[in-house]
């Protein structure tokens, strides 16, 4: 997987918003997420729906 194919997610604790970037696209979700986990889930869902993002398969240990 190339670096351009990684989903980048930045949660801002002060504004409770999330910036996501993927493959040259970027978007801010401004729904006031209470924690980083919920912001990351929303960002991943947005990328899947709007940018055809496919998360990497979980790795086995």
PDB file of N, CA and C in Angstrom:
ATOM      1  N   UNK A   1       0.852  -1.183   0.000  1.00  0.00           N
ATOM      2  CA  UNK A   1       0.000   0.000   0.000  1.00  0.00           C
ATOM      3  C   UNK A   1       0.895   1.243   0.000  1.00  0.00           C
ATOM      4  N   UNK A   2       0.575   2.189  -0.847  1.00  0.00           N
ATOM      5  CA  UNK A   2       1.359   3.422  -0.938  1.00  0.00           C
ATOM      6  C   UNK A   2       0.907   4.420   0.118  1.00  0.00           C
ATOM      7  N   UNK A   3       1.795   5.352   0.468  1.00  0.00           N
ATOM      8  CA  UNK A   3       1.477   6.339   1.502  1.00  0.00           C
ATOM      9  C   UNK A   3       0.239   7.156   1.141  1.00  0.00           C
ATOM     10  N   UNK A   4       0.023   7.413  -0.152  1.00  0.00           N
ATOM     11  CA  UNK A   4      -1.121   8.207  -0.581  1.00  0.00           C
ATOM     12  C   UNK A   4      -2.445   7.489  -0.321  1.00  0.00           C
ATOM     13  N   UNK A   5      -2.395   6.181  -0.095  1.00  0.00           N
ATOM     14  CA  UNK A   5      -3.605   5.411   0.118  1.00  0.00           C
ATOM     15  C   UNK A   5      -3.995   5.294   1.585  1.00  0.00           C
ATOM     16  N   UNK A   6      -3.215   5.865   2.475  1.00  0.00           N
ATOM     17  CA  UNK A   6      -3.524   5.801   3.906  1.00  0.00           C
ATOM     18  C   UNK A   6      -4.535   6.885   4.274  1.00  0.00           C
ATOM     19  N   UNK A   7      -5.447   6.544   5.126  1.00  0.00           N
ATOM     20  CA  UNK A   7      -6.408   7.514   5.641  1.00  0.00           C
ATOM     21  C   UNK A   7      -5.759   8.228   6.818  1.00  0.00           C
ATOM     22  N   UNK A   8      -5.683   9.527   6.728  1.00  0.00           N
ATOM     23  CA  UNK A   8      -5.094  10.341   7.799  1.00  0.00           C
ATOM     24  C   UNK A   8      -6.228  11.032   8.548  1.00  0.00           C
ATOM     25  N   UNK A   9      -6.235  10.871   9.864  1.00  0.00           N
ATOM     26  CA  UNK A   9      -7.297  11.415  10.702  1.00  0.00           C
ATOM     27  C   UNK A   9      -6.668  12.249  11.810  1.00  0.00           C
ATOM     28  N   UNK A  10      -7.137  13.486  11.962  1.00  0.00           N
ATOM     29  CA  UNK A  10      -6.660  14.356  13.041  1.00  0.00           C
ATOM     30  C   UNK A  10      -7.867  14.867  13.828  1.00  0.00           C
ATOM     31  N   UNK A  11      -7.908  14.517  15.104  1.00  0.00           N
ATOM     32  CA  UNK A  11      -8.985  14.966  15.981  1.00  0.00           C
ATOM     33  C   UNK A  11      -8.505  16.178  16.760  1.00  0.00           C
ATOM     34  N   UNK A  12      -9.310  17.230  16.766  1.00  0.00           N
ATOM     35  CA  UNK A  12      -8.987  18.439  17.515  1.00  0.00           C
ATOM     36  C   UNK A  12      -9.824  18.448  18.796  1.00  0.00           C
ATOM     37  N   UNK A  13      -9.134  18.308  19.932  1.00  0.00           N
ATOM     38  CA  UNK A  13      -9.836  18.216  21.219  1.00  0.00           C
ATOM     39  C   UNK A  13     -10.564  19.507  21.595  1.00  0.00           C
ATOM     40  N   UNK A  14     -10.014  20.650  21.210  1.00  0.00           N
ATOM     41  CA  UNK A  14     -10.643  21.920  21.579  1.00  0.00           C
ATOM     42  C   UNK A  14     -11.955  22.163  20.839  1.00  0.00           C
ATOM     43  N   UNK A  15     -11.932  21.966  19.530  1.00  0.00           N
ATOM     44  CA  UNK A  15     -13.150  22.216  18.748  1.00  0.00           C
ATOM     45  C   UNK A  15     -14.025  20.971  18.613  1.00  0.00           C
ATOM     46  N   UNK A  16     -13.465  19.792  18.981  1.00  0.00           N
ATOM     47  CA  UNK A  16     -14.157  18.508  18.887  1.00  0.00           C
ATOM     48  C   UNK A  16     -14.553  18.178  17.457  1.00  0.00           C
ATOM     49  N   UNK A  17     -13.703  18.577  16.517  1.00  0.00           N
ATOM     50  CA  UNK A  17     -13.910  18.282  15.108  1.00  0.00           C
ATOM     51  C   UNK A  17     -12.809  17.332  14.641  1.00  0.00           C
ATOM     52  N   UNK A  18     -12.980  16.810  13.440  1.00  0.00           N
ATOM     53  CA  UNK A  18     -11.986  15.884  12.898  1.00  0.00           C
ATOM     54  C   UNK A  18     -11.698  16.242  11.437  1.00  0.00           C
ATOM     55  N   UNK A  19     -10.412  16.248  11.108  1.00  0.00           N
ATOM     56  CA  UNK A  19      -9.956  16.456   9.734  1.00  0.00           C
ATOM     57  C   UNK A  19      -9.538  15.103   9.197  1.00  0.00           C
ATOM     58  N   UNK A  20     -10.033  14.753   8.015  1.00  0.00           N
ATOM     59  CA  UNK A  20      -9.598  13.518   7.394  1.00  0.00           C
ATOM     60  C   UNK A  20      -9.078  13.797   5.997  1.00  0.00           C
ATOM     61  N   UNK A  21      -8.049  13.046   5.615  1.00  0.00           N
ATOM     62  CA  UNK A  21      -7.421  13.191   4.310  1.00  0.00           C
ATOM     63  C   UNK A  21      -7.164  11.809   3.736  1.00  0.00           C
ATOM     64  N   UNK A  22      -7.463  11.681   2.444  1.00  0.00           N
ATOM     65  CA  UNK A  22      -7.238  10.404   1.777  1.00  0.00           C
ATOM     66  C   UNK A  22      -7.071  10.631   0.287  1.00  0.00           C
ATOM     67  N   UNK A  23      -5.942  10.195  -0.227  1.00  0.00           N
ATOM     68  CA  UNK A  23      -5.715  10.175  -1.668  1.00  0.00           C
ATOM     69  C   UNK A  23      -6.011  11.521  -2.355  1.00  0.00           C
ATOM     70  N   UNK A  24      -5.541  12.595  -1.760  1.00  0.00           N
ATOM     71  CA  UNK A  24      -5.723  13.931  -2.341  1.00  0.00           C
ATOM     72  C   UNK A  24      -7.010  14.630  -1.942  1.00  0.00           C
ATOM     73  N   UNK A  25      -7.864  13.960  -1.199  1.00  0.00           N
ATOM     74  CA  UNK A  25      -9.113  14.561  -0.730  1.00  0.00           C
ATOM     75  C   UNK A  25      -8.983  14.920   0.745  1.00  0.00           C
ATOM     76  N   UNK A  26      -9.705  15.948   1.164  1.00  0.00           N
ATOM     77  CA  UNK A  26      -9.750  16.289   2.586  1.00  0.00           C
ATOM     78  C   UNK A  26     -11.150  16.795   2.936  1.00  0.00           C
ATOM     79  N   UNK A  27     -11.501  16.638   4.217  1.00  0.00           N
ATOM     80  CA  UNK A  27     -12.819  17.054   4.679  1.00  0.00           C
ATOM     81  C   UNK A  27     -12.773  17.250   6.192  1.00  0.00           C
ATOM     82  N   UNK A  28     -13.561  18.183   6.699  1.00  0.00           N
ATOM     83  CA  UNK A  28     -13.682  18.397   8.140  1.00  0.00           C
ATOM     84  C   UNK A  28     -15.081  17.986   8.568  1.00  0.00           C
ATOM     85  N   UNK A  29     -15.136  17.111   9.569  1.00  0.00           N
ATOM     86  CA  UNK A  29     -16.408  16.734  10.188  1.00  0.00           C
ATOM     87  C   UNK A  29     -16.554  17.586  11.442  1.00  0.00           C
ATOM     88  N   UNK A  30     -17.602  18.383  11.490  1.00  0.00           N
ATOM     89  CA  UNK A  30     -17.737  19.364  12.580  1.00  0.00           C
ATOM     90  C   UNK A  30     -18.918  19.073  13.501  1.00  0.00           C
ATOM     91  N   UNK A  31     -19.161  17.818  13.771  1.00  0.00           N
ATOM     92  CA  UNK A  31     -20.327  17.447  14.577  1.00  0.00           C
ATOM     93  C   UNK A  31     -20.044  17.370  16.070  1.00  0.00           C
ATOM     94  N   UNK A  32     -18.937  17.939  16.532  1.00  0.00           N
ATOM     95  CA  UNK A  32     -18.599  18.019  17.957  1.00  0.00           C
ATOM     96  C   UNK A  32     -18.524  16.636  18.607  1.00  0.00           C
ATOM     97  N   UNK A  33     -17.559  15.860  18.186  1.00  0.00           N
ATOM     98  CA  UNK A  33     -17.357  14.516  18.723  1.00  0.00           C
ATOM     99  C   UNK A  33     -16.775  14.599  20.127  1.00  0.00           C
ATOM    100  N   UNK A  34     -17.310  13.808  21.020  1.00  0.00           N
ATOM    101  CA  UNK A  34     -16.904  13.863  22.429  1.00  0.00           C
ATOM    102  C   UNK A  34     -15.565  13.205  22.712  1.00  0.00           C
ATOM    103  N   UNK A  35     -15.148  12.283  21.855  1.00  0.00           N
ATOM    104  CA  UNK A  35     -13.864  11.625  22.084  1.00  0.00           C
ATOM    105  C   UNK A  35     -13.221  11.232  20.759  1.00  0.00           C
ATOM    106  N   UNK A  36     -11.960  10.875  20.846  1.00  0.00           N
ATOM    107  CA  UNK A  36     -11.181  10.550  19.656  1.00  0.00           C
ATOM    108  C   UNK A  36     -11.715   9.299  18.957  1.00  0.00           C
ATOM    109  N   UNK A  37     -12.132   8.306  19.724  1.00  0.00           N
ATOM    110  CA  UNK A  37     -12.631   7.063  19.126  1.00  0.00           C
ATOM    111  C   UNK A  37     -13.862   7.291  18.256  1.00  0.00           C
ATOM    112  N   UNK A  38     -14.816   8.055  18.752  1.00  0.00           N
ATOM    113  CA  UNK A  38     -16.027   8.303  17.959  1.00  0.00           C
ATOM    114  C   UNK A  38     -15.710   9.152  16.728  1.00  0.00           C
ATOM    115  N   UNK A  39     -14.766  10.073  16.859  1.00  0.00           N
ATOM    116  CA  UNK A  39     -14.350  10.889  15.711  1.00  0.00           C
ATOM    117  C   UNK A  39     -13.681  10.025  14.653  1.00  0.00           C
ATOM    118  N   UNK A  40     -12.832   9.099  15.079  1.00  0.00           N
ATOM    119  CA  UNK A  40     -12.151   8.219  14.126  1.00  0.00           C
ATOM    120  C   UNK A  40     -13.134   7.288  13.423  1.00  0.00           C
ATOM    121  N   UNK A  41     -14.119   6.777  14.144  1.00  0.00           N
ATOM    122  CA  UNK A  41     -15.138   5.928  13.516  1.00  0.00           C
ATOM    123  C   UNK A  41     -15.928   6.720  12.469  1.00  0.00           C
ATOM    124  N   UNK A  42     -16.303   7.942  12.815  1.00  0.00           N
ATOM    125  CA  UNK A  42     -17.062   8.776  11.876  1.00  0.00           C
ATOM    126  C   UNK A  42     -16.220   9.111  10.640  1.00  0.00           C
ATOM    127  N   UNK A  43     -14.946   9.389  10.846  1.00  0.00           N
ATOM    128  CA  UNK A  43     -14.061   9.710   9.721  1.00  0.00           C
ATOM    129  C   UNK A  43     -13.905   8.505   8.799  1.00  0.00           C
ATOM    130  N   UNK A  44     -13.729   7.331   9.380  1.00  0.00           N
ATOM    131  CA  UNK A  44     -13.596   6.118   8.571  1.00  0.00           C
ATOM    132  C   UNK A  44     -14.884   5.844   7.804  1.00  0.00           C
ATOM    133  N   UNK A  45     -16.021   6.004   8.443  1.00  0.00           N
ATOM    134  CA  UNK A  45     -17.310   5.808   7.768  1.00  0.00           C
ATOM    135  C   UNK A  45     -17.475   6.796   6.619  1.00  0.00           C
ATOM    136  N   UNK A  46     -17.102   8.062   6.849  1.00  0.00           N
ATOM    137  CA  UNK A  46     -17.208   9.076   5.803  1.00  0.00           C
ATOM    138  C   UNK A  46     -16.335   8.697   4.610  1.00  0.00           C
ATOM    139  N   UNK A  47     -15.091   8.302   4.879  1.00  0.00           N
ATOM    140  CA  UNK A  47     -14.170   7.954   3.798  1.00  0.00           C
ATOM    141  C   UNK A  47     -14.661   6.739   3.014  1.00  0.00           C
ATOM    142  N   UNK A  48     -15.231   5.776   3.688  1.00  0.00           N
ATOM    143  CA  UNK A  48     -15.765   4.593   3.010  1.00  0.00           C
ATOM    144  C   UNK A  48     -16.932   4.976   2.101  1.00  0.00           C
ATOM    145  N   UNK A  49     -17.811   5.837   2.611  1.00  0.00           N
ATOM    146  CA  UNK A  49     -19.008   6.200   1.859  1.00  0.00           C
ATOM    147  C   UNK A  49     -18.715   7.136   0.691  1.00  0.00           C
ATOM    148  N   UNK A  50     -17.857   8.121   0.904  1.00  0.00           N
ATOM    149  CA  UNK A  50     -17.653   9.168  -0.100  1.00  0.00           C
ATOM    150  C   UNK A  50     -16.411   8.983  -0.972  1.00  0.00           C
ATOM    151  N   UNK A  51     -15.412   8.266  -0.487  1.00  0.00           N
ATOM    152  CA  UNK A  51     -14.143   8.155  -1.217  1.00  0.00           C
ATOM    153  C   UNK A  51     -13.756   6.722  -1.539  1.00  0.00           C
ATOM    154  N   UNK A  52     -14.632   5.779  -1.335  1.00  0.00           N
ATOM    155  CA  UNK A  52     -14.361   4.370  -1.625  1.00  0.00           C
ATOM    156  C   UNK A  52     -13.130   3.860  -0.877  1.00  0.00           C
ATOM    157  N   UNK A  53     -12.951   4.351   0.339  1.00  0.00           N
ATOM    158  CA  UNK A  53     -11.846   3.901   1.189  1.00  0.00           C
ATOM    159  C   UNK A  53     -12.116   2.490   1.684  1.00  0.00           C
ATOM    160  N   UNK A  54     -11.091   1.655   1.614  1.00  0.00           N
ATOM    161  CA  UNK A  54     -11.178   0.290   2.140  1.00  0.00           C
ATOM    162  C   UNK A  54     -10.150   0.161   3.248  1.00  0.00           C
ATOM    163  N   UNK A  55     -10.595  -0.003   4.485  1.00  0.00           N
ATOM    164  CA  UNK A  55      -9.640  -0.105   5.590  1.00  0.00           C
ATOM    165  C   UNK A  55      -8.768  -1.359   5.438  1.00  0.00           C
ATOM    166  N   UNK A  56      -7.556  -1.293   5.941  1.00  0.00           N
ATOM    167  CA  UNK A  56      -6.692  -2.471   5.866  1.00  0.00           C
ATOM    168  C   UNK A  56      -7.262  -3.613   6.700  1.00  0.00           C
ATOM    169  N   UNK A  57      -6.974  -4.813   6.261  1.00  0.00           N
ATOM    170  CA  UNK A  57      -7.441  -6.000   7.001  1.00  0.00           C
ATOM    171  C   UNK A  57      -6.706  -6.081   8.321  1.00  0.00           C
ATOM    172  N   UNK A  58      -7.378  -6.522   9.382  1.00  0.00           N
ATOM    173  CA  UNK A  58      -6.705  -6.650  10.671  1.00  0.00           C
ATOM    174  C   UNK A  58      -5.574  -7.676  10.568  1.00  0.00           C
ATOM    175  N   UNK A  59      -4.510  -7.425  11.301  1.00  0.00           N
ATOM    176  CA  UNK A  59      -3.374  -8.336  11.281  1.00  0.00           C
ATOM    177  C   UNK A  59      -3.499  -9.333  12.427  1.00  0.00           C
ATOM    178  N   UNK A  60      -3.047 -10.533  12.197  1.00  0.00           N
ATOM    179  CA  UNK A  60      -3.065 -11.563  13.231  1.00  0.00           C
ATOM    180  C   UNK A  60      -1.754 -11.533  13.987  1.00  0.00           C
ATOM    181  N   UNK A  61      -1.825 -11.841  15.256  1.00  0.00           N
ATOM    182  CA  UNK A  61      -0.601 -11.860  16.064  1.00  0.00           C
ATOM    183  C   UNK A  61      -0.232 -13.266  16.456  1.00  0.00           C
TER     184      UNK A  61
END
